[in-house]
């Protein structure tokens, strides 16, 4: 398979690229810029292109040149950054998604796999949230996710495009950046593992769905590979585990008794976190294409700490 990954220079993009390369796929990463630290073990194994999702010419040129069989559309402004820059978020997350889908139609891309989010749901939802529950997000980031899900379903229905979306929980793993309001779940592990104090910007009772990056990548690959006949919808919830911020801190302290973890809630961040579901019902994903996570909170913290200490 020939694959193009938008947002390919990012945390999940590079992990996904490694998984695809390891199984023999030809991979091109598209991003607005690539880190000066380079691609690490991916160097020489993938192609790279720089381009702005907010510019149709950049997206069109990338798809026309690469001619991928599949596009994994990961590129976006994340939640906190999107709220701080709603106009940029509109252009990157909404215009960019339309450009990816239209370029895919024009150049006959077989499948587009999209990373949607728990942020596509609004506050006041059931616990857990059913797959088909009404989506009424209160952030521009969440609005952009709902828009792309609906637009992808339109392209699937009208043009036969193999559009498939996963509503991802917050993703954990060493190397994740801090662009989202959910990044507190990263810092509460990462900083103590490096011997640094951390102030968590939400309340101890805050609880959102989490997923270790290896499971997230496996979800993206497995929904891509699923036969069309097995799928009953375009957009799927996937669930990992849902600890409170306090439970995460306690699990870290159990491993690092001297960890300096304090809770200093930020009202704006807290409002974003409170607008998200606490857990997702992923029964359709389990039934349709065999989704199941393999790494729980304990395994996530152990793997994360080992990786963080190894890179310190």
C-alpha atoms as a PDB file:
ATOM      1  CA  UNK A   1       0.000   0.000   0.000  1.00  0.00           C
ATOM      2  CA  UNK A   2       1.057   3.570  -0.707  1.00  0.00           C
ATOM      3  CA  UNK A   3       0.008   5.807   2.202  1.00  0.00           C
ATOM      4  CA  UNK A   4       0.010   9.568   2.806  1.00  0.00           C
ATOM      5  CA  UNK A   5      -0.198  10.763   6.427  1.00  0.00           C
ATOM      6  CA  UNK A   6      -1.273  14.361   7.049  1.00  0.00           C
ATOM      7  CA  UNK A   7       0.178  15.700  10.276  1.00  0.00           C
ATOM      8  CA  UNK A   8       2.824  13.073   9.620  1.00  0.00           C
ATOM      9  CA  UNK A   9       5.539  14.920  11.501  1.00  0.00           C
ATOM     10  CA  UNK A  10       3.544  14.754  14.732  1.00  0.00           C
ATOM     11  CA  UNK A  11       3.534  12.260  17.562  1.00  0.00           C
ATOM     12  CA  UNK A  12       0.831   9.864  16.343  1.00  0.00           C
ATOM     13  CA  UNK A  13       1.815  10.401  12.705  1.00  0.00           C
ATOM     14  CA  UNK A  14       5.347   9.163  13.237  1.00  0.00           C
ATOM     15  CA  UNK A  15       4.219   6.197  15.333  1.00  0.00           C
ATOM     16  CA  UNK A  16       1.693   5.250  12.652  1.00  0.00           C
ATOM     17  CA  UNK A  17       4.331   5.643   9.934  1.00  0.00           C
ATOM     18  CA  UNK A  18       6.636   3.253  11.768  1.00  0.00           C
ATOM     19  CA  UNK A  19       3.896   0.639  12.001  1.00  0.00           C
ATOM     20  CA  UNK A  20       3.102   0.945   8.274  1.00  0.00           C
ATOM     21  CA  UNK A  21       6.764   0.892   7.227  1.00  0.00           C
ATOM     22  CA  UNK A  22       7.428  -2.172   9.380  1.00  0.00           C
ATOM     23  CA  UNK A  23       4.763  -4.094   7.498  1.00  0.00           C
ATOM     24  CA  UNK A  24       6.111  -3.047   4.103  1.00  0.00           C
ATOM     25  CA  UNK A  25       3.975  -0.070   3.120  1.00  0.00           C
ATOM     26  CA  UNK A  26       5.337   2.947   1.236  1.00  0.00           C
ATOM     27  CA  UNK A  27       4.761   6.047   3.380  1.00  0.00           C
ATOM     28  CA  UNK A  28       4.882   9.800   2.730  1.00  0.00           C
ATOM     29  CA  UNK A  29       4.510  12.286   5.591  1.00  0.00           C
ATOM     30  CA  UNK A  30       2.851  15.648   4.953  1.00  0.00           C
ATOM     31  CA  UNK A  31       3.207  18.418   7.525  1.00  0.00           C
ATOM     32  CA  UNK A  32       3.570  22.178   7.685  1.00  0.00           C
ATOM     33  CA  UNK A  33       7.069  21.697   9.146  1.00  0.00           C
ATOM     34  CA  UNK A  34       9.241  18.912  10.483  1.00  0.00           C
ATOM     35  CA  UNK A  35      11.115  18.986  13.780  1.00  0.00           C
ATOM     36  CA  UNK A  36      14.788  19.926  13.729  1.00  0.00           C
ATOM     37  CA  UNK A  37      15.330  16.739  15.749  1.00  0.00           C
ATOM     38  CA  UNK A  38      14.553  14.817  12.567  1.00  0.00           C
ATOM     39  CA  UNK A  39      12.622  11.621  12.035  1.00  0.00           C
ATOM     40  CA  UNK A  40      14.783   9.341  14.178  1.00  0.00           C
ATOM     41  CA  UNK A  41      14.365   5.686  13.171  1.00  0.00           C
ATOM     42  CA  UNK A  42      12.135   6.718  10.255  1.00  0.00           C
ATOM     43  CA  UNK A  43      14.957   8.592   8.529  1.00  0.00           C
ATOM     44  CA  UNK A  44      15.531   7.149   5.077  1.00  0.00           C
ATOM     45  CA  UNK A  45      12.434   4.944   5.359  1.00  0.00           C
ATOM     46  CA  UNK A  46       9.732   7.503   4.549  1.00  0.00           C
ATOM     47  CA  UNK A  47       9.314  10.404   2.165  1.00  0.00           C
ATOM     48  CA  UNK A  48       8.392  13.850   3.447  1.00  0.00           C
ATOM     49  CA  UNK A  49       6.556  16.831   2.004  1.00  0.00           C
ATOM     50  CA  UNK A  50       5.939  20.223   3.567  1.00  0.00           C
ATOM     51  CA  UNK A  51       2.548  21.780   2.989  1.00  0.00           C
ATOM     52  CA  UNK A  52      -0.234  23.708   4.674  1.00  0.00           C
ATOM     53  CA  UNK A  53      -3.597  21.950   5.028  1.00  0.00           C
ATOM     54  CA  UNK A  54      -5.294  25.343   4.855  1.00  0.00           C
ATOM     55  CA  UNK A  55      -4.094  25.779   1.249  1.00  0.00           C
ATOM     56  CA  UNK A  56      -5.885  23.674  -1.377  1.00  0.00           C
ATOM     57  CA  UNK A  57      -2.911  24.021  -3.736  1.00  0.00           C
ATOM     58  CA  UNK A  58      -0.610  22.396  -1.158  1.00  0.00           C
ATOM     59  CA  UNK A  59      -2.997  19.534  -0.453  1.00  0.00           C
ATOM     60  CA  UNK A  60      -3.821  18.985  -4.119  1.00  0.00           C
ATOM     61  CA  UNK A  61      -0.152  18.978  -5.103  1.00  0.00           C
ATOM     62  CA  UNK A  62       0.713  16.448  -2.400  1.00  0.00           C
ATOM     63  CA  UNK A  63      -2.063  14.022  -3.368  1.00  0.00           C
ATOM     64  CA  UNK A  64      -1.400  14.458  -7.087  1.00  0.00           C
ATOM     65  CA  UNK A  65       2.324  13.787  -6.642  1.00  0.00           C
ATOM     66  CA  UNK A  66       2.133  10.900  -4.160  1.00  0.00           C
ATOM     67  CA  UNK A  67      -0.970   9.237  -5.669  1.00  0.00           C
ATOM     68  CA  UNK A  68      -1.640   7.303  -2.448  1.00  0.00           C
ATOM     69  CA  UNK A  69      -3.943   4.334  -2.115  1.00  0.00           C
ATOM     70  CA  UNK A  70      -4.912   5.580   1.344  1.00  0.00           C
ATOM     71  CA  UNK A  71      -4.706   8.826   3.312  1.00  0.00           C
ATOM     72  CA  UNK A  72      -4.528   8.881   7.095  1.00  0.00           C
ATOM     73  CA  UNK A  73      -5.800  12.381   7.883  1.00  0.00           C
ATOM     74  CA  UNK A  74      -4.287  13.272  11.274  1.00  0.00           C
ATOM     75  CA  UNK A  75      -3.324  16.906  10.702  1.00  0.00           C
ATOM     76  CA  UNK A  76      -5.152  19.502  12.834  1.00  0.00           C
ATOM     77  CA  UNK A  77      -4.813  22.309  15.338  1.00  0.00           C
ATOM     78  CA  UNK A  78      -5.422  20.680  18.734  1.00  0.00           C
ATOM     79  CA  UNK A  79      -8.049  21.705  21.269  1.00  0.00           C
ATOM     80  CA  UNK A  80      -6.352  24.393  23.383  1.00  0.00           C
ATOM     81  CA  UNK A  81      -4.508  25.858  20.391  1.00  0.00           C
ATOM     82  CA  UNK A  82      -7.741  25.862  18.390  1.00  0.00           C
ATOM     83  CA  UNK A  83      -9.610  27.756  21.112  1.00  0.00           C
ATOM     84  CA  UNK A  84      -6.818  30.337  21.238  1.00  0.00           C
ATOM     85  CA  UNK A  85      -6.833  30.683  17.434  1.00  0.00           C
ATOM     86  CA  UNK A  86     -10.356  29.863  16.161  1.00  0.00           C
ATOM     87  CA  UNK A  87      -9.839  31.397  12.704  1.00  0.00           C
ATOM     88  CA  UNK A  88      -6.686  29.359  12.131  1.00  0.00           C
ATOM     89  CA  UNK A  89      -8.494  26.286  13.483  1.00  0.00           C
ATOM     90  CA  UNK A  90     -11.301  26.825  10.977  1.00  0.00           C
ATOM     91  CA  UNK A  91      -8.907  27.029   8.045  1.00  0.00           C
ATOM     92  CA  UNK A  92      -6.703  24.095   9.091  1.00  0.00           C
ATOM     93  CA  UNK A  93      -9.280  21.741  10.594  1.00  0.00           C
ATOM     94  CA  UNK A  94     -12.358  22.471   8.464  1.00  0.00           C
ATOM     95  CA  UNK A  95     -11.049  23.815   5.149  1.00  0.00           C
ATOM     96  CA  UNK A  96      -8.166  21.349   5.398  1.00  0.00           C
ATOM     97  CA  UNK A  97     -10.486  18.379   5.790  1.00  0.00           C
ATOM     98  CA  UNK A  98     -12.555  19.451   2.785  1.00  0.00           C
ATOM     99  CA  UNK A  99      -9.369  19.845   0.749  1.00  0.00           C
ATOM    100  CA  UNK A 100      -8.165  16.350   1.734  1.00  0.00           C
ATOM    101  CA  UNK A 101     -11.481  14.751   0.821  1.00  0.00           C
ATOM    102  CA  UNK A 102     -11.861  16.640  -2.459  1.00  0.00           C
ATOM    103  CA  UNK A 103      -8.281  15.888  -3.515  1.00  0.00           C
ATOM    104  CA  UNK A 104      -8.932  12.247  -2.624  1.00  0.00           C
ATOM    105  CA  UNK A 105     -12.003  12.233  -4.850  1.00  0.00           C
ATOM    106  CA  UNK A 106     -10.177  13.859  -7.744  1.00  0.00           C
ATOM    107  CA  UNK A 107      -7.260  11.419  -7.615  1.00  0.00           C
ATOM    108  CA  UNK A 108      -9.276   8.313  -6.702  1.00  0.00           C
ATOM    109  CA  UNK A 109      -7.811   7.631  -3.265  1.00  0.00           C
ATOM    110  CA  UNK A 110      -9.401   4.388  -2.081  1.00  0.00           C
ATOM    111  CA  UNK A 111      -9.607   5.102   1.657  1.00  0.00           C
ATOM    112  CA  UNK A 112      -9.412   8.115   3.963  1.00  0.00           C
ATOM    113  CA  UNK A 113      -8.930   7.324   7.657  1.00  0.00           C
ATOM    114  CA  UNK A 114      -9.726  10.280   9.905  1.00  0.00           C
ATOM    115  CA  UNK A 115      -8.819  10.942  13.527  1.00  0.00           C
ATOM    116  CA  UNK A 116     -11.953  12.356  15.125  1.00  0.00           C
ATOM    117  CA  UNK A 117     -12.161  12.869  18.874  1.00  0.00           C
ATOM    118  CA  UNK A 118     -14.091  12.639  22.112  1.00  0.00           C
ATOM    119  CA  UNK A 119     -14.326  16.424  21.684  1.00  0.00           C
ATOM    120  CA  UNK A 120     -16.964  15.841  19.003  1.00  0.00           C
ATOM    121  CA  UNK A 121     -19.432  15.307  21.852  1.00  0.00           C
ATOM    122  CA  UNK A 122     -20.582  18.114  24.128  1.00  0.00           C
ATOM    123  CA  UNK A 123     -21.363  18.283  27.844  1.00  0.00           C
ATOM    124  CA  UNK A 124     -24.252  16.488  29.526  1.00  0.00           C
ATOM    125  CA  UNK A 125     -23.805  13.187  27.676  1.00  0.00           C
ATOM    126  CA  UNK A 126     -24.483   9.690  29.074  1.00  0.00           C
ATOM    127  CA  UNK A 127     -21.657   7.730  30.690  1.00  0.00           C
ATOM    128  CA  UNK A 128     -20.536   5.935  28.594  1.00  0.00           C
ATOM    129  CA  UNK A 129     -21.528   7.804  25.418  1.00  0.00           C
ATOM    130  CA  UNK A 130     -23.234   5.622  22.774  1.00  0.00           C
ATOM    131  CA  UNK A 131     -21.673   5.583  19.319  1.00  0.00           C
ATOM    132  CA  UNK A 132     -24.671   7.288  17.705  1.00  0.00           C
ATOM    133  CA  UNK A 133     -25.344   9.883  20.418  1.00  0.00           C
ATOM    134  CA  UNK A 134     -26.087  13.481  19.391  1.00  0.00           C
ATOM    135  CA  UNK A 135     -22.891  15.494  18.872  1.00  0.00           C
ATOM    136  CA  UNK A 136     -23.110  19.066  20.197  1.00  0.00           C
ATOM    137  CA  UNK A 137     -19.553  20.225  20.939  1.00  0.00           C
ATOM    138  CA  UNK A 138     -18.849  23.573  22.597  1.00  0.00           C
ATOM    139  CA  UNK A 139     -15.361  24.124  21.121  1.00  0.00           C
ATOM    140  CA  UNK A 140     -14.220  24.971  17.580  1.00  0.00           C
ATOM    141  CA  UNK A 141     -12.013  21.883  17.731  1.00  0.00           C
ATOM    142  CA  UNK A 142     -15.032  19.687  18.455  1.00  0.00           C
ATOM    143  CA  UNK A 143     -17.081  21.457  15.779  1.00  0.00           C
ATOM    144  CA  UNK A 144     -14.337  20.734  13.233  1.00  0.00           C
ATOM    145  CA  UNK A 145     -14.414  17.045  14.126  1.00  0.00           C
ATOM    146  CA  UNK A 146     -18.190  16.782  13.684  1.00  0.00           C
ATOM    147  CA  UNK A 147     -17.949  18.681  10.390  1.00  0.00           C
ATOM    148  CA  UNK A 148     -15.377  16.277   8.992  1.00  0.00           C
ATOM    149  CA  UNK A 149     -17.302  13.204  10.129  1.00  0.00           C
ATOM    150  CA  UNK A 150     -20.431  14.442   8.357  1.00  0.00           C
ATOM    151  CA  UNK A 151     -18.524  15.556   5.252  1.00  0.00           C
ATOM    152  CA  UNK A 152     -16.713  12.235   5.085  1.00  0.00           C
ATOM    153  CA  UNK A 153     -20.026  10.409   5.291  1.00  0.00           C
ATOM    154  CA  UNK A 154     -21.262  12.562   2.397  1.00  0.00           C
ATOM    155  CA  UNK A 155     -18.244  11.624   0.275  1.00  0.00           C
ATOM    156  CA  UNK A 156     -18.759   7.980   1.205  1.00  0.00           C
ATOM    157  CA  UNK A 157     -22.422   8.101   0.208  1.00  0.00           C
ATOM    158  CA  UNK A 158     -22.158  10.235  -2.933  1.00  0.00           C
ATOM    159  CA  UNK A 159     -18.795   9.134  -4.347  1.00  0.00           C
ATOM    160  CA  UNK A 160     -18.172   5.723  -2.779  1.00  0.00           C
ATOM    161  CA  UNK A 161     -15.098   6.920  -0.909  1.00  0.00           C
ATOM    162  CA  UNK A 162     -13.850   4.573   1.802  1.00  0.00           C
ATOM    163  CA  UNK A 163     -14.083   7.148   4.590  1.00  0.00           C
ATOM    164  CA  UNK A 164     -13.591   5.816   8.121  1.00  0.00           C
ATOM    165  CA  UNK A 165     -13.284   7.894  11.304  1.00  0.00           C
ATOM    166  CA  UNK A 166     -12.162   6.955  14.793  1.00  0.00           C
ATOM    167  CA  UNK A 167     -13.250   9.092  17.733  1.00  0.00           C
ATOM    168  CA  UNK A 168     -10.032   8.887  19.686  1.00  0.00           C
ATOM    169  CA  UNK A 169      -9.657   9.450  23.421  1.00  0.00           C
ATOM    170  CA  UNK A 170      -6.712  11.486  24.664  1.00  0.00           C
ATOM    171  CA  UNK A 171      -3.570   9.693  23.478  1.00  0.00           C
ATOM    172  CA  UNK A 172      -0.688   8.978  25.861  1.00  0.00           C
ATOM    173  CA  UNK A 173       2.905   8.135  25.058  1.00  0.00           C
ATOM    174  CA  UNK A 174       6.415   9.515  25.437  1.00  0.00           C
ATOM    175  CA  UNK A 175       6.954  12.283  22.896  1.00  0.00           C
ATOM    176  CA  UNK A 176       3.415  13.637  22.795  1.00  0.00           C
ATOM    177  CA  UNK A 177       3.283  17.431  22.577  1.00  0.00           C
ATOM    178  CA  UNK A 178       1.265  19.785  24.754  1.00  0.00           C
ATOM    179  CA  UNK A 179      -1.171  21.380  22.306  1.00  0.00           C
ATOM    180  CA  UNK A 180      -4.382  19.999  23.794  1.00  0.00           C
ATOM    181  CA  UNK A 181      -6.301  20.560  27.006  1.00  0.00           C
ATOM    182  CA  UNK A 182      -5.957  16.822  27.654  1.00  0.00           C
ATOM    183  CA  UNK A 183      -2.168  17.126  27.805  1.00  0.00           C
ATOM    184  CA  UNK A 184      -2.350  17.196  31.609  1.00  0.00           C
ATOM    185  CA  UNK A 185      -2.578  13.407  31.345  1.00  0.00           C
ATOM    186  CA  UNK A 186       0.849  13.437  29.704  1.00  0.00           C
ATOM    187  CA  UNK A 187       2.537  15.902  32.027  1.00  0.00           C
ATOM    188  CA  UNK A 188       1.392  14.113  35.182  1.00  0.00           C
ATOM    189  CA  UNK A 189       3.464  11.108  34.054  1.00  0.00           C
ATOM    190  CA  UNK A 190       6.239  12.716  32.051  1.00  0.00           C
ATOM    191  CA  UNK A 191       7.499  15.351  34.465  1.00  0.00           C
ATOM    192  CA  UNK A 192       7.771  13.098  37.553  1.00  0.00           C
ATOM    193  CA  UNK A 193       9.515  10.488  35.403  1.00  0.00           C
ATOM    194  CA  UNK A 194      12.135  13.160  34.649  1.00  0.00           C
ATOM    195  CA  UNK A 195      12.359  14.279  38.285  1.00  0.00           C
ATOM    196  CA  UNK A 196      10.448  17.529  37.659  1.00  0.00           C
ATOM    197  CA  UNK A 197       7.454  18.971  39.561  1.00  0.00           C
ATOM    198  CA  UNK A 198       4.129  19.300  37.748  1.00  0.00           C
ATOM    199  CA  UNK A 199       1.066  21.491  38.232  1.00  0.00           C
ATOM    200  CA  UNK A 200      -2.062  19.858  36.827  1.00  0.00           C
ATOM    201  CA  UNK A 201      -4.440  22.451  35.330  1.00  0.00           C
ATOM    202  CA  UNK A 202      -7.639  20.563  36.124  1.00  0.00           C
ATOM    203  CA  UNK A 203      -9.390  19.348  39.257  1.00  0.00           C
ATOM    204  CA  UNK A 204      -8.571  15.999  40.842  1.00  0.00           C
ATOM    205  CA  UNK A 205     -12.042  14.657  39.963  1.00  0.00           C
ATOM    206  CA  UNK A 206     -11.579  15.327  36.215  1.00  0.00           C
ATOM    207  CA  UNK A 207     -11.981  12.149  34.169  1.00  0.00           C
ATOM    208  CA  UNK A 208     -11.642  11.630  30.418  1.00  0.00           C
ATOM    209  CA  UNK A 209     -11.046   8.564  28.209  1.00  0.00           C
ATOM    210  CA  UNK A 210      -7.385   7.737  27.567  1.00  0.00           C
ATOM    211  CA  UNK A 211      -5.574   5.420  25.166  1.00  0.00           C
ATOM    212  CA  UNK A 212      -1.928   4.444  24.896  1.00  0.00           C
ATOM    213  CA  UNK A 213      -0.426   5.402  21.542  1.00  0.00           C
ATOM    214  CA  UNK A 214       0.323   1.798  20.507  1.00  0.00           C
ATOM    215  CA  UNK A 215      -3.379   0.963  20.834  1.00  0.00           C
ATOM    216  CA  UNK A 216      -4.342   4.128  18.940  1.00  0.00           C
ATOM    217  CA  UNK A 217      -2.078   3.177  16.043  1.00  0.00           C
ATOM    218  CA  UNK A 218      -3.412  -0.356  16.037  1.00  0.00           C
ATOM    219  CA  UNK A 219      -6.943   1.047  15.894  1.00  0.00           C
ATOM    220  CA  UNK A 220      -6.127   3.197  12.870  1.00  0.00           C
ATOM    221  CA  UNK A 221      -4.459   0.335  11.029  1.00  0.00           C
ATOM    222  CA  UNK A 222      -7.127  -2.232  11.850  1.00  0.00           C
ATOM    223  CA  UNK A 223     -10.069  -0.023  10.838  1.00  0.00           C
ATOM    224  CA  UNK A 224      -8.202   0.767   7.606  1.00  0.00           C
ATOM    225  CA  UNK A 225      -7.728  -2.917   6.873  1.00  0.00           C
ATOM    226  CA  UNK A 226     -11.278  -3.979   7.770  1.00  0.00           C
ATOM    227  CA  UNK A 227     -13.335  -5.246   4.816  1.00  0.00           C
ATOM    228  CA  UNK A 228     -15.978  -2.747   3.739  1.00  0.00           C
ATOM    229  CA  UNK A 229     -18.691  -5.376   4.079  1.00  0.00           C
ATOM    230  CA  UNK A 230     -18.048  -5.668   7.828  1.00  0.00           C
ATOM    231  CA  UNK A 231     -18.534  -1.969   8.577  1.00  0.00           C
ATOM    232  CA  UNK A 232     -21.979  -0.717   9.568  1.00  0.00           C
ATOM    233  CA  UNK A 233     -21.078   3.007   9.783  1.00  0.00           C
ATOM    234  CA  UNK A 234     -18.307   5.474   8.941  1.00  0.00           C
ATOM    235  CA  UNK A 235     -17.521   6.826  12.432  1.00  0.00           C
ATOM    236  CA  UNK A 236     -16.611   4.746  15.474  1.00  0.00           C
ATOM    237  CA  UNK A 237     -15.991   5.385  19.172  1.00  0.00           C
ATOM    238  CA  UNK A 238     -12.986   3.587  20.619  1.00  0.00           C
ATOM    239  CA  UNK A 239     -12.386   3.413  24.358  1.00  0.00           C
ATOM    240  CA  UNK A 240      -9.299   2.659  26.406  1.00  0.00           C
ATOM    241  CA  UNK A 241      -9.578   3.478  30.125  1.00  0.00           C
ATOM    242  CA  UNK A 242     -10.965   6.450  32.078  1.00  0.00           C
ATOM    243  CA  UNK A 243      -9.140   7.303  35.324  1.00  0.00           C
ATOM    244  CA  UNK A 244      -9.605  10.514  37.278  1.00  0.00           C
ATOM    245  CA  UNK A 245      -6.694  12.941  37.403  1.00  0.00           C
ATOM    246  CA  UNK A 246      -6.276  11.965  41.062  1.00  0.00           C
ATOM    247  CA  UNK A 247      -6.112   8.261  40.185  1.00  0.00           C
ATOM    248  CA  UNK A 248      -3.415   9.010  37.623  1.00  0.00           C
ATOM    249  CA  UNK A 249      -1.428  11.017  40.162  1.00  0.00           C
ATOM    250  CA  UNK A 250      -1.754   8.240  42.740  1.00  0.00           C
ATOM    251  CA  UNK A 251      -0.559   5.641  40.224  1.00  0.00           C
ATOM    252  CA  UNK A 252       2.482   7.802  39.461  1.00  0.00           C
ATOM    253  CA  UNK A 253       3.204   8.343  43.168  1.00  0.00           C
ATOM    254  CA  UNK A 254       3.037   4.583  43.700  1.00  0.00           C
ATOM    255  CA  UNK A 255       6.023   4.324  41.370  1.00  0.00           C
ATOM    256  CA  UNK A 256       7.718   7.602  42.337  1.00  0.00           C
ATOM    257  CA  UNK A 257       6.866   8.302  46.009  1.00  0.00           C
ATOM    258  CA  UNK A 258       8.596  11.699  45.948  1.00  0.00           C
ATOM    259  CA  UNK A 259       6.750  12.891  42.839  1.00  0.00           C
ATOM    260  CA  UNK A 260       5.746  16.549  43.197  1.00  0.00           C
ATOM    261  CA  UNK A 261       2.231  16.705  41.744  1.00  0.00           C
ATOM    262  CA  UNK A 262      -0.096  19.582  42.579  1.00  0.00           C
ATOM    263  CA  UNK A 263      -3.515  20.541  41.245  1.00  0.00           C
ATOM    264  CA  UNK A 264      -3.973  24.180  40.203  1.00  0.00           C
ATOM    265  CA  UNK A 265      -7.146  24.277  38.078  1.00  0.00           C
ATOM    266  CA  UNK A 266      -7.293  26.727  35.176  1.00  0.00           C
ATOM    267  CA  UNK A 267     -10.920  27.747  34.527  1.00  0.00           C
ATOM    268  CA  UNK A 268     -10.589  27.796  30.733  1.00  0.00           C
ATOM    269  CA  UNK A 269      -8.842  24.437  30.570  1.00  0.00           C
ATOM    270  CA  UNK A 270     -11.248  22.964  33.104  1.00  0.00           C
ATOM    271  CA  UNK A 271     -14.214  24.078  31.012  1.00  0.00           C
ATOM    272  CA  UNK A 272     -12.801  22.320  27.946  1.00  0.00           C
ATOM    273  CA  UNK A 273     -12.104  19.108  29.876  1.00  0.00           C
ATOM    274  CA  UNK A 274     -15.566  19.202  31.474  1.00  0.00           C
ATOM    275  CA  UNK A 275     -17.181  19.466  28.031  1.00  0.00           C
ATOM    276  CA  UNK A 276     -15.834  16.035  27.035  1.00  0.00           C
ATOM    277  CA  UNK A 277     -17.245  12.559  27.754  1.00  0.00           C
ATOM    278  CA  UNK A 278     -15.892  10.535  30.652  1.00  0.00           C
ATOM    279  CA  UNK A 279     -16.111   7.244  28.760  1.00  0.00           C
ATOM    280  CA  UNK A 280     -17.172   5.983  25.330  1.00  0.00           C
ATOM    281  CA  UNK A 281     -19.230   2.947  24.373  1.00  0.00           C
ATOM    282  CA  UNK A 282     -17.180   1.242  21.658  1.00  0.00           C
ATOM    283  CA  UNK A 283     -19.413  -1.815  21.147  1.00  0.00           C
ATOM    284  CA  UNK A 284     -19.892  -1.193  17.382  1.00  0.00           C
ATOM    285  CA  UNK A 285     -16.109  -1.064  16.825  1.00  0.00           C
ATOM    286  CA  UNK A 286     -15.666  -4.301  18.765  1.00  0.00           C
ATOM    287  CA  UNK A 287     -18.457  -6.037  16.879  1.00  0.00           C
ATOM    288  CA  UNK A 288     -17.726  -4.741  13.360  1.00  0.00           C
ATOM    289  CA  UNK A 289     -13.955  -4.946  13.061  1.00  0.00           C
ATOM    290  CA  UNK A 290     -12.669  -6.560  16.226  1.00  0.00           C
ATOM    291  CA  UNK A 291     -11.407  -3.482  18.075  1.00  0.00           C
ATOM    292  CA  UNK A 292      -9.989  -4.099  21.540  1.00  0.00           C
ATOM    293  CA  UNK A 293      -7.381  -2.157  23.530  1.00  0.00           C
ATOM    294  CA  UNK A 294      -4.512  -4.099  25.095  1.00  0.00           C
ATOM    295  CA  UNK A 295      -2.855  -1.591  27.454  1.00  0.00           C
ATOM    296  CA  UNK A 296      -4.473  -0.365  30.693  1.00  0.00           C
ATOM    297  CA  UNK A 297      -3.522   2.531  33.004  1.00  0.00           C
ATOM    298  CA  UNK A 298      -0.823   0.560  34.810  1.00  0.00           C
ATOM    299  CA  UNK A 299       0.748  -0.627  31.571  1.00  0.00           C
ATOM    300  CA  UNK A 300       0.547   2.854  30.088  1.00  0.00           C
ATOM    301  CA  UNK A 301       2.401   4.452  33.001  1.00  0.00           C
ATOM    302  CA  UNK A 302       5.066   1.744  33.062  1.00  0.00           C
ATOM    303  CA  UNK A 303       5.700   1.996  29.309  1.00  0.00           C
ATOM    304  CA  UNK A 304       5.619   5.780  29.346  1.00  0.00           C
ATOM    305  CA  UNK A 305       8.092   6.054  32.232  1.00  0.00           C
ATOM    306  CA  UNK A 306      10.489   3.582  30.652  1.00  0.00           C
ATOM    307  CA  UNK A 307      10.444   5.536  27.388  1.00  0.00           C
ATOM    308  CA  UNK A 308      10.724   8.944  29.075  1.00  0.00           C
ATOM    309  CA  UNK A 309      13.646   7.887  31.227  1.00  0.00           C
ATOM    310  CA  UNK A 310      15.355   6.343  28.251  1.00  0.00           C
ATOM    311  CA  UNK A 311      15.210   9.663  26.360  1.00  0.00           C
ATOM    312  CA  UNK A 312      16.166  11.853  29.320  1.00  0.00           C
END
